[in-house]
C-alpha atoms as a PDB file:
ATOM      1  CA  MET A   1      31.213  69.202  31.620  1.00  0.00           C
ATOM      2  CA  GLU A   2      32.093  66.599  29.049  1.00  0.00           C
ATOM      3  CA  LEU A   3      29.806  66.069  26.104  1.00  0.00           C
ATOM      4  CA  ILE A   4      28.273  62.640  25.870  1.00  0.00           C
ATOM      5  CA  THR A   5      28.994  61.575  22.326  1.00  0.00           C
ATOM      6  CA  HIS A   6      29.072  58.236  20.624  1.00  0.00           C
ATOM      7  CA  SER A   7      32.883  58.227  20.557  1.00  0.00           C
ATOM      8  CA  ASN A   8      33.038  59.028  24.294  1.00  0.00           C
ATOM      9  CA  LEU A   9      30.684  56.136  25.045  1.00  0.00           C
ATOM     10  CA  LEU A  10      32.801  53.828  22.894  1.00  0.00           C
ATOM     11  CA  ALA A  11      35.942  54.945  24.717  1.00  0.00           C
ATOM     12  CA  LEU A  12      34.290  54.363  28.101  1.00  0.00           C
ATOM     13  CA  SER A  13      33.078  50.889  27.168  1.00  0.00           C
ATOM     14  CA  TYR A  14      36.533  50.024  25.777  1.00  0.00           C
ATOM     15  CA  GLU A  15      38.184  51.251  28.973  1.00  0.00           C
ATOM     16  CA  ARG A  16      35.759  49.202  31.070  1.00  0.00           C
ATOM     17  CA  ARG A  17      36.448  46.077  28.994  1.00  0.00           C
ATOM     18  CA  VAL A  18      40.202  46.587  29.274  1.00  0.00           C
ATOM     19  CA  ARG A  19      39.929  47.006  33.054  1.00  0.00           C
ATOM     20  CA  ARG A  20      37.911  43.780  33.347  1.00  0.00           C
ATOM     21  CA  PHE A  21      40.387  41.941  31.133  1.00  0.00           C
ATOM     22  CA  VAL A  22      43.360  43.141  33.187  1.00  0.00           C
ATOM     23  CA  ALA A  23      41.597  42.089  36.398  1.00  0.00           C
ATOM     24  CA  LYS A  24      40.967  38.649  34.893  1.00  0.00           C
ATOM     25  CA  LEU A  25      44.632  38.329  33.906  1.00  0.00           C
ATOM     26  CA  GLU A  26      45.700  39.276  37.430  1.00  0.00           C
ATOM     27  CA  GLY A  27      43.403  36.551  38.741  1.00  0.00           C
ATOM     28  CA  TYR A  28      45.009  34.035  36.386  1.00  0.00           C
ATOM     29  CA  SER A  29      48.503  34.987  37.530  1.00  0.00           C
ATOM     30  CA  ALA A  30      47.413  34.593  41.164  1.00  0.00           C
ATOM     31  CA  MET A  31      45.977  31.155  40.359  1.00  0.00           C
ATOM     32  CA  ARG A  32      49.197  30.197  38.581  1.00  0.00           C
ATOM     33  CA  ALA A  33      51.233  31.271  41.608  1.00  0.00           C
ATOM     34  CA  ARG A  34      48.983  29.170  43.845  1.00  0.00           C
ATOM     35  CA  ALA A  35      49.336  26.198  41.488  1.00  0.00           C
ATOM     36  CA  GLU A  36      53.122  26.533  41.612  1.00  0.00           C
ATOM     37  CA  GLN A  37      52.964  26.513  45.421  1.00  0.00           C
ATOM     38  CA  VAL A  38      50.843  23.342  45.297  1.00  0.00           C
ATOM     39  CA  LEU A  39      53.416  21.677  43.035  1.00  0.00           C
ATOM     40  CA  ILE A  40      56.219  22.637  45.423  1.00  0.00           C
ATOM     41  CA  LEU A  41      54.270  21.254  48.395  1.00  0.00           C
ATOM     42  CA  ARG A  42      53.483  18.027  46.511  1.00  0.00           C
ATOM     43  CA  LYS A  43      57.170  17.565  45.734  1.00  0.00           C
ATOM     44  CA  ARG A  44      58.068  18.146  49.384  1.00  0.00           C
ATOM     45  CA  LEU A  45      55.493  15.563  50.451  1.00  0.00           C
ATOM     46  CA  ALA A  46      56.769  13.077  47.862  1.00  0.00           C
ATOM     47  CA  ASP A  47      60.331  13.534  49.134  1.00  0.00           C
ATOM     48  CA  HIS A  48      59.244  13.105  52.738  1.00  0.00           C
ATOM     49  CA  VAL A  49      59.579   9.618  54.197  1.00  0.00           C
ATOM     50  CA  PRO A  50      56.753   9.002  56.664  1.00  0.00           C
ATOM     51  CA  THR A  51      57.739   7.692  60.084  1.00  0.00           C
ATOM     52  CA  ARG A  52      55.817   6.638  63.163  1.00  0.00           C
ATOM     53  CA  ARG A  53      56.391  10.116  64.541  1.00  0.00           C
ATOM     54  CA  THR A  54      54.699  11.565  61.452  1.00  0.00           C
ATOM     55  CA  PHE A  55      51.727   9.232  61.733  1.00  0.00           C
ATOM     56  CA  PRO A  56      51.515   7.947  65.324  1.00  0.00           C
ATOM     57  CA  ARG A  57      49.292   5.001  66.113  1.00  0.00           C
ATOM     58  CA  ARG A  58      45.896   5.701  67.520  1.00  0.00           C
ATOM     59  CA  PRO A  59      45.588   4.637  71.149  1.00  0.00           C
ATOM     60  CA  ARG A  60      43.523   1.508  71.686  1.00  0.00           C
ATOM     61  CA  MET A  61      40.228   1.880  73.448  1.00  0.00           C
ATOM     62  CA  ARG A  62      40.553  -0.521  76.369  1.00  0.00           C
ATOM     63  CA  GLY A  63      37.489  -1.915  78.024  1.00  0.00           C
ATOM     64  CA  ARG A  64      35.291  -1.472  74.968  1.00  0.00           C
ATOM     65  CA  GLU A  65      34.764  -4.441  72.694  1.00  0.00           C
END
């Protein structure tokens, strides 16, 4: 059984903080990857020329005025 000493508690708290920090960094990298995907999609949409096929007209409601 390991002795609970002040230095052991410090090491545990440091390890916990490092784990949290690494998890936060992984979250940031995931967000950055998502942001890059959004930029790619925005560029694709900007390059796309809309046509009637892309945005068809809504059918008129006949008989209702």
